[in-house]
Amino acid sequence: MGWTAILAALSGAIAVAAGAFGAHGAEGEAIELFKTGAHYQMVHAVLALLALRYEAPGPALLFVTGAAIFAGTLYAIGFGGPTWLGAITPLGGAGLIAGWLWLAWSLRG
């Protein structure tokens, strides 16, 4: 499975840490940013590992990178980073959607 599996596992760990920070350390609007980022990141970390089990490394890599961009920009804003990072967030979402579509194509039989 290689590096993509390792990145997916690390992504899951980061999602747990971000969710915990959002629940216990964040305040105000940042709570929702961490909650949303952690949710999407965890779902796609698990999905990346599942895609690898179905021998679909391309979609798995899109799930990991898309989640990193999507959640990473939300986390950065939550930590007080510039709000213009929100303009980059949809690029991560597009990567996630592309991963889903590629996975569907890969599983068509």
PDB file of N, CA and C in Angstrom:
ATOM      1  N   MET A   1       0.824  -1.206   0.000  1.00  0.00           N
ATOM      2  CA  MET A   1       0.000   0.000   0.000  1.00  0.00           C
ATOM      3  C   MET A   1       0.858   1.255   0.000  1.00  0.00           C
ATOM      4  N   GLY A   2       1.986   1.236   0.616  1.00  0.00           N
ATOM      5  CA  GLY A   2       2.955   2.313   0.499  1.00  0.00           C
ATOM      6  C   GLY A   2       2.599   3.612   1.190  1.00  0.00           C
ATOM      7  N   TRP A   3       3.132   4.667   0.581  1.00  0.00           N
ATOM      8  CA  TRP A   3       3.033   6.007   1.171  1.00  0.00           C
ATOM      9  C   TRP A   3       1.607   6.519   1.287  1.00  0.00           C
ATOM     10  N   THR A   4       0.757   6.176   0.359  1.00  0.00           N
ATOM     11  CA  THR A   4      -0.628   6.657   0.440  1.00  0.00           C
ATOM     12  C   THR A   4      -1.310   6.113   1.685  1.00  0.00           C
ATOM     13  N   ALA A   5      -1.064   4.857   2.019  1.00  0.00           N
ATOM     14  CA  ALA A   5      -1.651   4.273   3.227  1.00  0.00           C
ATOM     15  C   ALA A   5      -1.101   4.950   4.475  1.00  0.00           C
ATOM     16  N   ILE A   6       0.191   5.215   4.481  1.00  0.00           N
ATOM     17  CA  ILE A   6       0.794   5.903   5.629  1.00  0.00           C
ATOM     18  C   ILE A   6       0.198   7.297   5.779  1.00  0.00           C
ATOM     19  N   LEU A   7       0.058   8.013   4.658  1.00  0.00           N
ATOM     20  CA  LEU A   7      -0.539   9.354   4.716  1.00  0.00           C
ATOM     21  C   LEU A   7      -1.990   9.299   5.178  1.00  0.00           C
ATOM     22  N   ALA A   8      -2.726   8.285   4.747  1.00  0.00           N
ATOM     23  CA  ALA A   8      -4.121   8.141   5.181  1.00  0.00           C
ATOM     24  C   ALA A   8      -4.189   7.899   6.684  1.00  0.00           C
ATOM     25  N   ALA A   9      -3.303   7.049   7.197  1.00  0.00           N
ATOM     26  CA  ALA A   9      -3.289   6.782   8.636  1.00  0.00           C
ATOM     27  C   ALA A   9      -2.918   8.039   9.429  1.00  0.00           C
ATOM     28  N   LEU A  10      -1.928   8.777   8.950  1.00  0.00           N
ATOM     29  CA  LEU A  10      -1.560  10.034   9.609  1.00  0.00           C
ATOM     30  C   LEU A  10      -2.695  11.052   9.524  1.00  0.00           C
ATOM     31  N   SER A  11      -3.399  11.056   8.413  1.00  0.00           N
ATOM     32  CA  SER A  11      -4.538  11.952   8.248  1.00  0.00           C
ATOM     33  C   SER A  11      -5.622  11.648   9.276  1.00  0.00           C
ATOM     34  N   GLY A  12      -5.849  10.364   9.535  1.00  0.00           N
ATOM     35  CA  GLY A  12      -6.812   9.979  10.562  1.00  0.00           C
ATOM     36  C   GLY A  12      -6.390  10.470  11.934  1.00  0.00           C
ATOM     37  N   ALA A  13      -5.103  10.354  12.243  1.00  0.00           N
ATOM     38  CA  ALA A  13      -4.592  10.834  13.533  1.00  0.00           C
ATOM     39  C   ALA A  13      -4.755  12.344  13.668  1.00  0.00           C
ATOM     40  N   ILE A  14      -4.459  13.063  12.597  1.00  0.00           N
ATOM     41  CA  ILE A  14      -4.620  14.524  12.621  1.00  0.00           C
ATOM     42  C   ILE A  14      -6.086  14.892  12.802  1.00  0.00           C
ATOM     43  N   ALA A  15      -6.976  14.143  12.166  1.00  0.00           N
ATOM     44  CA  ALA A  15      -8.411  14.418  12.308  1.00  0.00           C
ATOM     45  C   ALA A  15      -8.867  14.265  13.751  1.00  0.00           C
ATOM     46  N   VAL A  16      -8.379  13.231  14.431  1.00  0.00           N
ATOM     47  CA  VAL A  16      -8.736  13.046  15.837  1.00  0.00           C
ATOM     48  C   VAL A  16      -8.215  14.204  16.678  1.00  0.00           C
ATOM     49  N   ALA A  17      -6.961  14.587  16.448  1.00  0.00           N
ATOM     50  CA  ALA A  17      -6.378  15.698  17.206  1.00  0.00           C
ATOM     51  C   ALA A  17      -7.119  17.004  16.939  1.00  0.00           C
ATOM     52  N   ALA A  18      -7.454  17.261  15.683  1.00  0.00           N
ATOM     53  CA  ALA A  18      -8.169  18.489  15.342  1.00  0.00           C
ATOM     54  C   ALA A  18      -9.569  18.499  15.944  1.00  0.00           C
ATOM     55  N   GLY A  19     -10.239  17.351  15.901  1.00  0.00           N
ATOM     56  CA  GLY A  19     -11.565  17.262  16.505  1.00  0.00           C
ATOM     57  C   GLY A  19     -11.517  17.490  18.004  1.00  0.00           C
ATOM     58  N   ALA A  20     -10.502  16.927  18.657  1.00  0.00           N
ATOM     59  CA  ALA A  20     -10.353  17.126  20.103  1.00  0.00           C
ATOM     60  C   ALA A  20     -10.059  18.586  20.421  1.00  0.00           C
ATOM     61  N   PHE A  21      -9.191  19.200  19.623  1.00  0.00           N
ATOM     62  CA  PHE A  21      -8.906  20.616  19.854  1.00  0.00           C
ATOM     63  C   PHE A  21     -10.164  21.456  19.646  1.00  0.00           C
ATOM     64  N   GLY A  22     -10.916  21.142  18.598  1.00  0.00           N
ATOM     65  CA  GLY A  22     -12.143  21.875  18.335  1.00  0.00           C
ATOM     66  C   GLY A  22     -13.147  21.745  19.468  1.00  0.00           C
ATOM     67  N   ALA A  23     -13.192  20.578  20.081  1.00  0.00           N
ATOM     68  CA  ALA A  23     -14.151  20.338  21.163  1.00  0.00           C
ATOM     69  C   ALA A  23     -13.705  20.943  22.483  1.00  0.00           C
ATOM     70  N   HIS A  24     -12.396  21.042  22.697  1.00  0.00           N
ATOM     71  CA  HIS A  24     -11.915  21.445  24.021  1.00  0.00           C
ATOM     72  C   HIS A  24     -11.059  22.711  24.057  1.00  0.00           C
ATOM     73  N   GLY A  25     -10.521  23.127  22.910  1.00  0.00           N
ATOM     74  CA  GLY A  25      -9.620  24.270  22.948  1.00  0.00           C
ATOM     75  C   GLY A  25     -10.028  25.440  22.090  1.00  0.00           C
ATOM     76  N   ALA A  26     -10.882  25.199  21.133  1.00  0.00           N
ATOM     77  CA  ALA A  26     -11.288  26.267  20.224  1.00  0.00           C
ATOM     78  C   ALA A  26     -12.445  27.065  20.824  1.00  0.00           C
ATOM     79  N   GLU A  27     -12.597  28.270  20.326  1.00  0.00           N
ATOM     80  CA  GLU A  27     -13.680  29.139  20.791  1.00  0.00           C
ATOM     81  C   GLU A  27     -14.404  29.754  19.602  1.00  0.00           C
ATOM     82  N   GLY A  28     -15.646  30.088  19.816  1.00  0.00           N
ATOM     83  CA  GLY A  28     -16.426  30.809  18.818  1.00  0.00           C
ATOM     84  C   GLY A  28     -16.551  30.064  17.506  1.00  0.00           C
ATOM     85  N   GLU A  29     -16.354  30.799  16.419  1.00  0.00           N
ATOM     86  CA  GLU A  29     -16.501  30.266  15.068  1.00  0.00           C
ATOM     87  C   GLU A  29     -15.495  29.149  14.771  1.00  0.00           C
ATOM     88  N   ALA A  30     -14.353  29.174  15.432  1.00  0.00           N
ATOM     89  CA  ALA A  30     -13.314  28.174  15.198  1.00  0.00           C
ATOM     90  C   ALA A  30     -13.788  26.765  15.530  1.00  0.00           C
ATOM     91  N   ILE A  31     -14.722  26.638  16.477  1.00  0.00           N
ATOM     92  CA  ILE A  31     -15.233  25.316  16.847  1.00  0.00           C
ATOM     93  C   ILE A  31     -15.832  24.617  15.633  1.00  0.00           C
ATOM     94  N   GLU A  32     -16.654  25.320  14.879  1.00  0.00           N
ATOM     95  CA  GLU A  32     -17.292  24.730  13.699  1.00  0.00           C
ATOM     96  C   GLU A  32     -16.275  24.442  12.603  1.00  0.00           C
ATOM     97  N   LEU A  33     -15.269  25.304  12.460  1.00  0.00           N
ATOM     98  CA  LEU A  33     -14.239  25.062  11.450  1.00  0.00           C
ATOM     99  C   LEU A  33     -13.491  23.762  11.744  1.00  0.00           C
ATOM    100  N   PHE A  34     -13.110  23.555  12.997  1.00  0.00           N
ATOM    101  CA  PHE A  34     -12.409  22.339  13.376  1.00  0.00           C
ATOM    102  C   PHE A  34     -13.324  21.120  13.274  1.00  0.00           C
ATOM    103  N   LYS A  35     -14.568  21.286  13.659  1.00  0.00           N
ATOM    104  CA  LYS A  35     -15.524  20.177  13.601  1.00  0.00           C
ATOM    105  C   LYS A  35     -15.726  19.719  12.152  1.00  0.00           C
ATOM    106  N   THR A  36     -15.934  20.662  11.260  1.00  0.00           N
ATOM    107  CA  THR A  36     -16.143  20.332   9.852  1.00  0.00           C
ATOM    108  C   THR A  36     -14.884  19.731   9.244  1.00  0.00           C
ATOM    109  N   GLY A  37     -13.745  20.361   9.485  1.00  0.00           N
ATOM    110  CA  GLY A  37     -12.491  19.849   8.941  1.00  0.00           C
ATOM    111  C   GLY A  37     -12.190  18.444   9.419  1.00  0.00           C
ATOM    112  N   ALA A  38     -12.343  18.210  10.721  1.00  0.00           N
ATOM    113  CA  ALA A  38     -12.049  16.890  11.288  1.00  0.00           C
ATOM    114  C   ALA A  38     -12.989  15.828  10.726  1.00  0.00           C
ATOM    115  N   HIS A  39     -14.251  16.175  10.564  1.00  0.00           N
ATOM    116  CA  HIS A  39     -15.226  15.216  10.029  1.00  0.00           C
ATOM    117  C   HIS A  39     -14.837  14.792   8.612  1.00  0.00           C
ATOM    118  N   TYR A  40     -14.624  15.758   7.740  1.00  0.00           N
ATOM    119  CA  TYR A  40     -14.279  15.446   6.355  1.00  0.00           C
ATOM    120  C   TYR A  40     -12.942  14.717   6.270  1.00  0.00           C
ATOM    121  N   GLN A  41     -11.983  15.143   7.070  1.00  0.00           N
ATOM    122  CA  GLN A  41     -10.674  14.507   7.026  1.00  0.00           C
ATOM    123  C   GLN A  41     -10.744  13.052   7.477  1.00  0.00           C
ATOM    124  N   MET A  42     -11.479  12.765   8.540  1.00  0.00           N
ATOM    125  CA  MET A  42     -11.576  11.393   9.027  1.00  0.00           C
ATOM    126  C   MET A  42     -12.300  10.494   8.033  1.00  0.00           C
ATOM    127  N   VAL A  43     -13.414  10.962   7.522  1.00  0.00           N
ATOM    128  CA  VAL A  43     -14.163  10.157   6.553  1.00  0.00           C
ATOM    129  C   VAL A  43     -13.275   9.791   5.374  1.00  0.00           C
ATOM    130  N   HIS A  44     -12.509  10.751   4.888  1.00  0.00           N
ATOM    131  CA  HIS A  44     -11.713  10.491   3.698  1.00  0.00           C
ATOM    132  C   HIS A  44     -10.411   9.751   3.992  1.00  0.00           C
ATOM    133  N   ALA A  45      -9.924   9.799   5.224  1.00  0.00           N
ATOM    134  CA  ALA A  45      -8.776   8.969   5.604  1.00  0.00           C
ATOM    135  C   ALA A  45      -9.186   7.496   5.562  1.00  0.00           C
ATOM    136  N   VAL A  46     -10.333   7.203   6.145  1.00  0.00           N
ATOM    137  CA  VAL A  46     -10.839   5.829   6.139  1.00  0.00           C
ATOM    138  C   VAL A  46     -11.161   5.388   4.712  1.00  0.00           C
ATOM    139  N   LEU A  47     -11.782   6.269   3.958  1.00  0.00           N
ATOM    140  CA  LEU A  47     -12.132   5.934   2.578  1.00  0.00           C
ATOM    141  C   LEU A  47     -10.885   5.695   1.730  1.00  0.00           C
ATOM    142  N   ALA A  48      -9.822   6.448   1.973  1.00  0.00           N
ATOM    143  CA  ALA A  48      -8.579   6.237   1.227  1.00  0.00           C
ATOM    144  C   ALA A  48      -8.041   4.833   1.485  1.00  0.00           C
ATOM    145  N   LEU A  49      -8.062   4.399   2.744  1.00  0.00           N
ATOM    146  CA  LEU A  49      -7.600   3.049   3.053  1.00  0.00           C
ATOM    147  C   LEU A  49      -8.485   1.989   2.406  1.00  0.00           C
ATOM    148  N   LEU A  50      -9.779   2.239   2.395  1.00  0.00           N
ATOM    149  CA  LEU A  50     -10.704   1.307   1.748  1.00  0.00           C
ATOM    150  C   LEU A  50     -10.449   1.266   0.237  1.00  0.00           C
ATOM    151  N   ALA A  51     -10.213   2.424  -0.364  1.00  0.00           N
ATOM    152  CA  ALA A  51      -9.927   2.474  -1.803  1.00  0.00           C
ATOM    153  C   ALA A  51      -8.656   1.682  -2.123  1.00  0.00           C
ATOM    154  N   LEU A  52      -7.667   1.767  -1.247  1.00  0.00           N
ATOM    155  CA  LEU A  52      -6.440   1.010  -1.469  1.00  0.00           C
ATOM    156  C   LEU A  52      -6.702  -0.494  -1.417  1.00  0.00           C
ATOM    157  N   ARG A  53      -7.605  -0.915  -0.547  1.00  0.00           N
ATOM    158  CA  ARG A  53      -7.948  -2.341  -0.469  1.00  0.00           C
ATOM    159  C   ARG A  53      -8.623  -2.807  -1.753  1.00  0.00           C
ATOM    160  N   TYR A  54      -9.301  -1.892  -2.438  1.00  0.00           N
ATOM    161  CA  TYR A  54      -9.931  -2.205  -3.720  1.00  0.00           C
ATOM    162  C   TYR A  54      -9.004  -1.891  -4.890  1.00  0.00           C
ATOM    163  N   GLU A  55      -7.717  -1.741  -4.581  1.00  0.00           N
ATOM    164  CA  GLU A  55      -6.678  -1.481  -5.572  1.00  0.00           C
ATOM    165  C   GLU A  55      -6.997  -0.268  -6.435  1.00  0.00           C
ATOM    166  N   ALA A  56      -7.377   0.818  -5.767  1.00  0.00           N
ATOM    167  CA  ALA A  56      -7.666   2.085  -6.434  1.00  0.00           C
ATOM    168  C   ALA A  56      -6.774   3.174  -5.824  1.00  0.00           C
ATOM    169  N   PRO A  57      -5.466   3.145  -6.126  1.00  0.00           N
ATOM    170  CA  PRO A  57      -4.555   4.106  -5.503  1.00  0.00           C
ATOM    171  C   PRO A  57      -4.778   5.548  -5.939  1.00  0.00           C
ATOM    172  N   GLY A  58      -5.248   5.758  -7.157  1.00  0.00           N
ATOM    173  CA  GLY A  58      -5.496   7.130  -7.623  1.00  0.00           C
ATOM    174  C   GLY A  58      -6.547   7.845  -6.792  1.00  0.00           C
ATOM    175  N   PRO A  59      -7.728   7.230  -6.655  1.00  0.00           N
ATOM    176  CA  PRO A  59      -8.738   7.858  -5.804  1.00  0.00           C
ATOM    177  C   PRO A  59      -8.265   8.026  -4.361  1.00  0.00           C
ATOM    178  N   ALA A  60      -7.519   7.043  -3.851  1.00  0.00           N
ATOM    179  CA  ALA A  60      -7.031   7.133  -2.470  1.00  0.00           C
ATOM    180  C   ALA A  60      -6.148   8.357  -2.300  1.00  0.00           C
ATOM    181  N   LEU A  61      -5.269   8.595  -3.250  1.00  0.00           N
ATOM    182  CA  LEU A  61      -4.393   9.760  -3.169  1.00  0.00           C
ATOM    183  C   LEU A  61      -5.183  11.063  -3.266  1.00  0.00           C
ATOM    184  N   LEU A  62      -6.209  11.088  -4.097  1.00  0.00           N
ATOM    185  CA  LEU A  62      -7.072  12.275  -4.172  1.00  0.00           C
ATOM    186  C   LEU A  62      -7.797  12.510  -2.857  1.00  0.00           C
ATOM    187  N   PHE A  63      -8.251  11.446  -2.198  1.00  0.00           N
ATOM    188  CA  PHE A  63      -8.918  11.606  -0.906  1.00  0.00           C
ATOM    189  C   PHE A  63      -7.974  12.198   0.137  1.00  0.00           C
ATOM    190  N   VAL A  64      -6.741  11.712   0.163  1.00  0.00           N
ATOM    191  CA  VAL A  64      -5.776  12.204   1.151  1.00  0.00           C
ATOM    192  C   VAL A  64      -5.392  13.659   0.863  1.00  0.00           C
ATOM    193  N   THR A  65      -5.063  13.965  -0.381  1.00  0.00           N
ATOM    194  CA  THR A  65      -4.637  15.340  -0.701  1.00  0.00           C
ATOM    195  C   THR A  65      -5.807  16.314  -0.644  1.00  0.00           C
ATOM    196  N   GLY A  66      -6.972  15.881  -1.139  1.00  0.00           N
ATOM    197  CA  GLY A  66      -8.142  16.753  -1.076  1.00  0.00           C
ATOM    198  C   GLY A  66      -8.526  17.082   0.359  1.00  0.00           C
ATOM    199  N   ALA A  67      -8.467  16.069   1.224  1.00  0.00           N
ATOM    200  CA  ALA A  67      -8.793  16.285   2.638  1.00  0.00           C
ATOM    201  C   ALA A  67      -7.757  17.192   3.301  1.00  0.00           C
ATOM    202  N   ALA A  68      -6.494  17.031   2.922  1.00  0.00           N
ATOM    203  CA  ALA A  68      -5.447  17.884   3.498  1.00  0.00           C
ATOM    204  C   ALA A  68      -5.677  19.347   3.137  1.00  0.00           C
ATOM    205  N   ILE A  69      -6.052  19.593   1.898  1.00  0.00           N
ATOM    206  CA  ILE A  69      -6.311  20.975   1.466  1.00  0.00           C
ATOM    207  C   ILE A  69      -7.593  21.499   2.110  1.00  0.00           C
ATOM    208  N   PHE A  70      -8.660  20.710   2.029  1.00  0.00           N
ATOM    209  CA  PHE A  70      -9.955  21.134   2.573  1.00  0.00           C
ATOM    210  C   PHE A  70      -9.856  21.403   4.073  1.00  0.00           C
ATOM    211  N   ALA A  71      -9.437  20.377   4.820  1.00  0.00           N
ATOM    212  CA  ALA A  71      -9.381  20.516   6.272  1.00  0.00           C
ATOM    213  C   ALA A  71      -8.256  21.448   6.703  1.00  0.00           C
ATOM    214  N   GLY A  72      -7.134  21.374   6.021  1.00  0.00           N
ATOM    215  CA  GLY A  72      -5.992  22.213   6.392  1.00  0.00           C
ATOM    216  C   GLY A  72      -6.292  23.691   6.334  1.00  0.00           C
ATOM    217  N   THR A  73      -7.011  24.112   5.310  1.00  0.00           N
ATOM    218  CA  THR A  73      -7.365  25.533   5.228  1.00  0.00           C
ATOM    219  C   THR A  73      -8.349  25.921   6.331  1.00  0.00           C
ATOM    220  N   LEU A  74      -9.278  25.026   6.648  1.00  0.00           N
ATOM    221  CA  LEU A  74     -10.217  25.315   7.741  1.00  0.00           C
ATOM    222  C   LEU A  74      -9.485  25.407   9.074  1.00  0.00           C
ATOM    223  N   TYR A  75      -8.537  24.484   9.315  1.00  0.00           N
ATOM    224  CA  TYR A  75      -7.762  24.521  10.550  1.00  0.00           C
ATOM    225  C   TYR A  75      -6.947  25.814  10.631  1.00  0.00           C
ATOM    226  N   ALA A  76      -6.333  26.185   9.519  1.00  0.00           N
ATOM    227  CA  ALA A  76      -5.514  27.403   9.513  1.00  0.00           C
ATOM    228  C   ALA A  76      -6.354  28.626   9.862  1.00  0.00           C
ATOM    229  N   ILE A  77      -7.536  28.727   9.284  1.00  0.00           N
ATOM    230  CA  ILE A  77      -8.431  29.843   9.602  1.00  0.00           C
ATOM    231  C   ILE A  77      -8.848  29.767  11.066  1.00  0.00           C
ATOM    232  N   GLY A  78      -9.139  28.568  11.541  1.00  0.00           N
ATOM    233  CA  GLY A  78      -9.526  28.381  12.938  1.00  0.00           C
ATOM    234  C   GLY A  78      -8.438  28.796  13.911  1.00  0.00           C
ATOM    235  N   PHE A  79      -7.177  28.649  13.499  1.00  0.00           N
ATOM    236  CA  PHE A  79      -6.055  29.069  14.335  1.00  0.00           C
ATOM    237  C   PHE A  79      -5.742  30.556  14.178  1.00  0.00           C
ATOM    238  N   GLY A  80      -6.566  31.257  13.403  1.00  0.00           N
ATOM    239  CA  GLY A  80      -6.377  32.693  13.251  1.00  0.00           C
ATOM    240  C   GLY A  80      -5.682  33.106  11.974  1.00  0.00           C
ATOM    241  N   GLY A  81      -5.499  32.173  11.050  1.00  0.00           N
ATOM    242  CA  GLY A  81      -4.877  32.481   9.768  1.00  0.00           C
ATOM    243  C   GLY A  81      -5.764  33.384   8.935  1.00  0.00           C
ATOM    244  N   PRO A  82      -5.249  33.847   7.807  1.00  0.00           N
ATOM    245  CA  PRO A  82      -6.024  34.767   6.967  1.00  0.00           C
ATOM    246  C   PRO A  82      -7.276  34.106   6.393  1.00  0.00           C
ATOM    247  N   THR A  83      -8.351  34.847   6.377  1.00  0.00           N
ATOM    248  CA  THR A  83      -9.620  34.300   5.898  1.00  0.00           C
ATOM    249  C   THR A  83      -9.609  34.030   4.397  1.00  0.00           C
ATOM    250  N   TRP A  84      -8.669  34.634   3.653  1.00  0.00           N
ATOM    251  CA  TRP A  84      -8.615  34.373   2.216  1.00  0.00           C
ATOM    252  C   TRP A  84      -8.288  32.902   1.935  1.00  0.00           C
ATOM    253  N   LEU A  85      -7.792  32.184   2.933  1.00  0.00           N
ATOM    254  CA  LEU A  85      -7.560  30.750   2.753  1.00  0.00           C
ATOM    255  C   LEU A  85      -8.867  30.016   2.446  1.00  0.00           C
ATOM    256  N   GLY A  86      -9.977  30.622   2.860  1.00  0.00           N
ATOM    257  CA  GLY A  86     -11.283  30.037   2.555  1.00  0.00           C
ATOM    258  C   GLY A  86     -11.536  29.923   1.064  1.00  0.00           C
ATOM    259  N   ALA A  87     -10.844  30.722   0.259  1.00  0.00           N
ATOM    260  CA  ALA A  87     -10.985  30.628  -1.198  1.00  0.00           C
ATOM    261  C   ALA A  87     -10.282  29.392  -1.746  1.00  0.00           C
ATOM    262  N   ILE A  88      -9.358  28.819  -0.983  1.00  0.00           N
ATOM    263  CA  ILE A  88      -8.633  27.619  -1.406  1.00  0.00           C
ATOM    264  C   ILE A  88      -9.379  26.355  -0.984  1.00  0.00           C
ATOM    265  N   THR A  89     -10.175  26.450   0.066  1.00  0.00           N
ATOM    266  CA  THR A  89     -10.901  25.292   0.605  1.00  0.00           C
ATOM    267  C   THR A  89     -11.673  24.525  -0.472  1.00  0.00           C
ATOM    268  N   PRO A  90     -12.393  25.194  -1.379  1.00  0.00           N
ATOM    269  CA  PRO A  90     -13.137  24.445  -2.400  1.00  0.00           C
ATOM    270  C   PRO A  90     -12.250  23.608  -3.326  1.00  0.00           C
ATOM    271  N   LEU A  91     -10.985  23.974  -3.469  1.00  0.00           N
ATOM    272  CA  LEU A  91     -10.093  23.148  -4.286  1.00  0.00           C
ATOM    273  C   LEU A  91      -9.928  21.762  -3.654  1.00  0.00           C
ATOM    274  N   GLY A  92      -9.829  21.740  -2.322  1.00  0.00           N
ATOM    275  CA  GLY A  92      -9.774  20.461  -1.622  1.00  0.00           C
ATOM    276  C   GLY A  92     -11.064  19.688  -1.801  1.00  0.00           C
ATOM    277  N   GLY A  93     -12.188  20.390  -1.706  1.00  0.00           N
ATOM    278  CA  GLY A  93     -13.484  19.748  -1.924  1.00  0.00           C
ATOM    279  C   GLY A  93     -13.607  19.183  -3.326  1.00  0.00           C
ATOM    280  N   ALA A  94     -13.086  19.910  -4.311  1.00  0.00           N
ATOM    281  CA  ALA A  94     -13.106  19.404  -5.689  1.00  0.00           C
ATOM    282  C   ALA A  94     -12.266  18.136  -5.807  1.00  0.00           C
ATOM    283  N   GLY A  95     -11.147  18.094  -5.091  1.00  0.00           N
ATOM    284  CA  GLY A  95     -10.330  16.882  -5.078  1.00  0.00           C
ATOM    285  C   GLY A  95     -11.081  15.710  -4.476  1.00  0.00           C
ATOM    286  N   LEU A  96     -11.836  15.962  -3.421  1.00  0.00           N
ATOM    287  CA  LEU A  96     -12.629  14.902  -2.794  1.00  0.00           C
ATOM    288  C   LEU A  96     -13.703  14.387  -3.751  1.00  0.00           C
ATOM    289  N   ILE A  97     -14.383  15.301  -4.409  1.00  0.00           N
ATOM    290  CA  ILE A  97     -15.415  14.901  -5.382  1.00  0.00           C
ATOM    291  C   ILE A  97     -14.786  14.110  -6.515  1.00  0.00           C
ATOM    292  N   ALA A  98     -13.643  14.580  -7.011  1.00  0.00           N
ATOM    293  CA  ALA A  98     -12.950  13.864  -8.089  1.00  0.00           C
ATOM    294  C   ALA A  98     -12.553  12.460  -7.629  1.00  0.00           C
ATOM    295  N   GLY A  99     -12.129  12.331  -6.373  1.00  0.00           N
ATOM    296  CA  GLY A  99     -11.786  11.016  -5.834  1.00  0.00           C
ATOM    297  C   GLY A  99     -12.983  10.084  -5.819  1.00  0.00           C
ATOM    298  N   TRP A 100     -14.119  10.602  -5.415  1.00  0.00           N
ATOM    299  CA  TRP A 100     -15.337   9.786  -5.407  1.00  0.00           C
ATOM    300  C   TRP A 100     -15.697   9.332  -6.824  1.00  0.00           C
ATOM    301  N   LEU A 101     -15.625  10.267  -7.781  1.00  0.00           N
ATOM    302  CA  LEU A 101     -15.971   9.916  -9.157  1.00  0.00           C
ATOM    303  C   LEU A 101     -14.989   8.899  -9.737  1.00  0.00           C
ATOM    304  N   TRP A 102     -13.705   9.093  -9.443  1.00  0.00           N
ATOM    305  CA  TRP A 102     -12.697   8.146  -9.919  1.00  0.00           C
ATOM    306  C   TRP A 102     -12.893   6.779  -9.281  1.00  0.00           C
ATOM    307  N   LEU A 103     -13.231   6.768  -7.990  1.00  0.00           N
ATOM    308  CA  LEU A 103     -13.491   5.494  -7.322  1.00  0.00           C
ATOM    309  C   LEU A 103     -14.681   4.780  -7.958  1.00  0.00           C
ATOM    310  N   ALA A 104     -15.740   5.526  -8.233  1.00  0.00           N
ATOM    311  CA  ALA A 104     -16.917   4.928  -8.880  1.00  0.00           C
ATOM    312  C   ALA A 104     -16.523   4.331 -10.235  1.00  0.00           C
ATOM    313  N   TRP A 105     -15.720   5.051 -10.984  1.00  0.00           N
ATOM    314  CA  TRP A 105     -15.267   4.556 -12.291  1.00  0.00           C
ATOM    315  C   TRP A 105     -14.403   3.300 -12.118  1.00  0.00           C
ATOM    316  N   SER A 106     -13.558   3.308 -11.117  1.00  0.00           N
ATOM    317  CA  SER A 106     -12.673   2.168 -10.865  1.00  0.00           C
ATOM    318  C   SER A 106     -13.432   0.916 -10.461  1.00  0.00           C
ATOM    319  N   LEU A 107     -14.558   1.078  -9.800  1.00  0.00           N
ATOM    320  CA  LEU A 107     -15.338  -0.051  -9.284  1.00  0.00           C
ATOM    321  C   LEU A 107     -16.380  -0.565 -10.272  1.00  0.00           C
ATOM    322  N   ARG A 108     -16.446   0.015 -11.434  1.00  0.00           N
ATOM    323  CA  ARG A 108     -17.517  -0.327 -12.380  1.00  0.00           C
ATOM    324  C   ARG A 108     -17.460  -1.771 -12.858  1.00  0.00           C
ATOM    325  N   GLY A 109     -16.320  -2.419 -12.669  1.00  0.00           N
ATOM    326  CA  GLY A 109     -16.249  -3.842 -13.015  1.00  0.00           C
ATOM    327  C   GLY A 109     -15.614  -4.066 -14.288  1.00  0.00           C
TER     328      GLY A 109
END
